[in-house]
Amino acid sequence: MLNGQEHTTACFHGICVKSAFRSRGHFQRLMQEITQYVAEYDSSIMFVTKPYLYKNYPYRMMIPEYDFAMNNPKLYQNKITLK
């Protein structure tokens, strides 16, 4: 629901093409298929880690993404619990 009305949203994660198959148009074809598929929805959301790959498509960055890495993950073994 959005503003009291039913609203359908398509959601997908970034497209991956194995390096051995790049530069053959696979990415472009997949994006064309996705664009046709999401046209049936009121809106669509795409989650990606490399937004520059999608600059030629009708998506725009809404929220900057942050990546975090641990310098030494072994220091934290058995010290992290999820609740």
C-alpha atoms as a PDB file:
ATOM      1  CA  MET A   1       0.000   0.000   0.000  1.00  0.00           C
ATOM      2  CA  LEU A   2       1.171   3.457  -0.861  1.00  0.00           C
ATOM      3  CA  ASN A   3      -0.940   6.468   0.047  1.00  0.00           C
ATOM      4  CA  GLY A   4      -3.830   4.109   0.762  1.00  0.00           C
ATOM      5  CA  GLN A   5      -3.716   2.433  -2.651  1.00  0.00           C
ATOM      6  CA  GLU A   6      -2.387  -0.933  -3.732  1.00  0.00           C
ATOM      7  CA  HIS A   7       1.021  -0.584  -5.347  1.00  0.00           C
ATOM      8  CA  THR A   8       3.083  -3.378  -6.913  1.00  0.00           C
ATOM      9  CA  THR A   9       6.861  -3.172  -6.992  1.00  0.00           C
ATOM     10  CA  ALA A  10       9.363  -5.394  -8.778  1.00  0.00           C
ATOM     11  CA  CYS A  11      12.692  -5.833  -7.028  1.00  0.00           C
ATOM     12  CA  PHE A  12      15.899  -7.371  -8.298  1.00  0.00           C
ATOM     13  CA  HIS A  13      19.575  -7.458  -7.542  1.00  0.00           C
ATOM     14  CA  GLY A  14      22.392  -6.577  -9.934  1.00  0.00           C
ATOM     15  CA  ILE A  15      23.151  -8.588 -13.043  1.00  0.00           C
ATOM     16  CA  CYS A  16      26.253 -10.759 -13.113  1.00  0.00           C
ATOM     17  CA  VAL A  17      27.959 -12.041 -16.241  1.00  0.00           C
ATOM     18  CA  LYS A  18      30.835 -14.447 -15.841  1.00  0.00           C
ATOM     19  CA  SER A  19      34.053 -12.851 -17.112  1.00  0.00           C
ATOM     20  CA  ALA A  20      34.512 -15.498 -19.818  1.00  0.00           C
ATOM     21  CA  PHE A  21      31.150 -14.447 -21.352  1.00  0.00           C
ATOM     22  CA  ARG A  22      31.496 -10.649 -21.149  1.00  0.00           C
ATOM     23  CA  SER A  23      31.447  -8.326 -24.180  1.00  0.00           C
ATOM     24  CA  ARG A  24      28.892 -10.532 -25.948  1.00  0.00           C
ATOM     25  CA  GLY A  25      25.800  -8.457 -25.222  1.00  0.00           C
ATOM     26  CA  HIS A  26      24.441 -10.707 -22.434  1.00  0.00           C
ATOM     27  CA  PHE A  27      24.208  -7.840 -19.937  1.00  0.00           C
ATOM     28  CA  GLN A  28      22.366  -5.614 -22.402  1.00  0.00           C
ATOM     29  CA  ARG A  29      19.897  -8.381 -23.338  1.00  0.00           C
ATOM     30  CA  LEU A  30      19.188  -9.151 -19.693  1.00  0.00           C
ATOM     31  CA  MET A  31      18.586  -5.486 -18.930  1.00  0.00           C
ATOM     32  CA  GLN A  32      16.197  -5.246 -21.898  1.00  0.00           C
ATOM     33  CA  GLU A  33      14.257  -8.264 -20.596  1.00  0.00           C
ATOM     34  CA  ILE A  34      14.158  -6.798 -17.098  1.00  0.00           C
ATOM     35  CA  THR A  35      12.927  -3.453 -18.448  1.00  0.00           C
ATOM     36  CA  GLN A  36      10.074  -5.221 -20.257  1.00  0.00           C
ATOM     37  CA  TYR A  37       9.243  -7.334 -17.198  1.00  0.00           C
ATOM     38  CA  VAL A  38       9.104  -4.448 -14.718  1.00  0.00           C
ATOM     39  CA  ALA A  39       6.900  -2.399 -17.068  1.00  0.00           C
ATOM     40  CA  GLU A  40       3.973  -4.436 -15.698  1.00  0.00           C
ATOM     41  CA  TYR A  41       4.599  -3.071 -12.188  1.00  0.00           C
ATOM     42  CA  ASP A  42       3.904   0.331 -10.692  1.00  0.00           C
ATOM     43  CA  SER A  43       7.586   0.710  -9.830  1.00  0.00           C
ATOM     44  CA  SER A  44      10.797  -1.261  -9.559  1.00  0.00           C
ATOM     45  CA  ILE A  45      13.807  -1.235  -7.272  1.00  0.00           C
ATOM     46  CA  MET A  46      17.253  -2.508  -8.162  1.00  0.00           C
ATOM     47  CA  PHE A  47      19.969  -3.248  -5.607  1.00  0.00           C
ATOM     48  CA  VAL A  48      23.490  -3.128  -7.051  1.00  0.00           C
ATOM     49  CA  THR A  49      27.079  -2.836  -5.898  1.00  0.00           C
ATOM     50  CA  LYS A  50      28.340  -1.181  -9.111  1.00  0.00           C
ATOM     51  CA  PRO A  51      25.816   1.532 -10.017  1.00  0.00           C
ATOM     52  CA  TYR A  52      27.979   2.895 -12.840  1.00  0.00           C
ATOM     53  CA  LEU A  53      27.096  -0.217 -14.903  1.00  0.00           C
ATOM     54  CA  TYR A  54      23.455   0.867 -14.993  1.00  0.00           C
ATOM     55  CA  LYS A  55      23.879   4.542 -15.880  1.00  0.00           C
ATOM     56  CA  ASN A  56      22.421   4.012 -19.383  1.00  0.00           C
ATOM     57  CA  TYR A  57      19.214   2.486 -18.018  1.00  0.00           C
ATOM     58  CA  PRO A  58      16.198   4.226 -16.472  1.00  0.00           C
ATOM     59  CA  TYR A  59      17.376   3.823 -12.873  1.00  0.00           C
ATOM     60  CA  ARG A  60      18.820   6.459 -10.618  1.00  0.00           C
ATOM     61  CA  MET A  61      20.671   6.157  -7.337  1.00  0.00           C
ATOM     62  CA  MET A  62      18.429   6.920  -4.392  1.00  0.00           C
ATOM     63  CA  ILE A  63      20.549   6.075  -1.376  1.00  0.00           C
ATOM     64  CA  PRO A  64      24.335   5.714  -1.322  1.00  0.00           C
ATOM     65  CA  GLU A  65      25.509   2.244  -0.382  1.00  0.00           C
ATOM     66  CA  TYR A  66      28.241   1.554   2.112  1.00  0.00           C
ATOM     67  CA  ASP A  67      30.534  -1.442   2.251  1.00  0.00           C
ATOM     68  CA  PHE A  68      32.303  -2.529   5.393  1.00  0.00           C
ATOM     69  CA  ALA A  69      35.234  -4.903   5.753  1.00  0.00           C
ATOM     70  CA  MET A  70      37.042  -6.336   8.759  1.00  0.00           C
ATOM     71  CA  ASN A  71      40.810  -6.114   8.881  1.00  0.00           C
ATOM     72  CA  ASN A  72      41.134  -9.319  10.903  1.00  0.00           C
ATOM     73  CA  PRO A  73      37.899 -11.326  11.141  1.00  0.00           C
ATOM     74  CA  LYS A  74      39.589 -14.049  13.223  1.00  0.00           C
ATOM     75  CA  LEU A  75      39.715 -11.621  16.166  1.00  0.00           C
ATOM     76  CA  TYR A  76      35.919 -11.666  16.273  1.00  0.00           C
ATOM     77  CA  GLN A  77      35.331 -15.421  15.994  1.00  0.00           C
ATOM     78  CA  ASN A  78      32.870 -16.663  18.612  1.00  0.00           C
ATOM     79  CA  LYS A  79      32.350 -13.103  19.906  1.00  0.00           C
ATOM     80  CA  ILE A  80      29.464 -12.124  17.644  1.00  0.00           C
ATOM     81  CA  THR A  81      25.930 -13.262  18.357  1.00  0.00           C
ATOM     82  CA  LEU A  82      22.812 -12.545  16.388  1.00  0.00           C
ATOM     83  CA  LYS A  83      19.511 -12.013  18.173  1.00  0.00           C
END
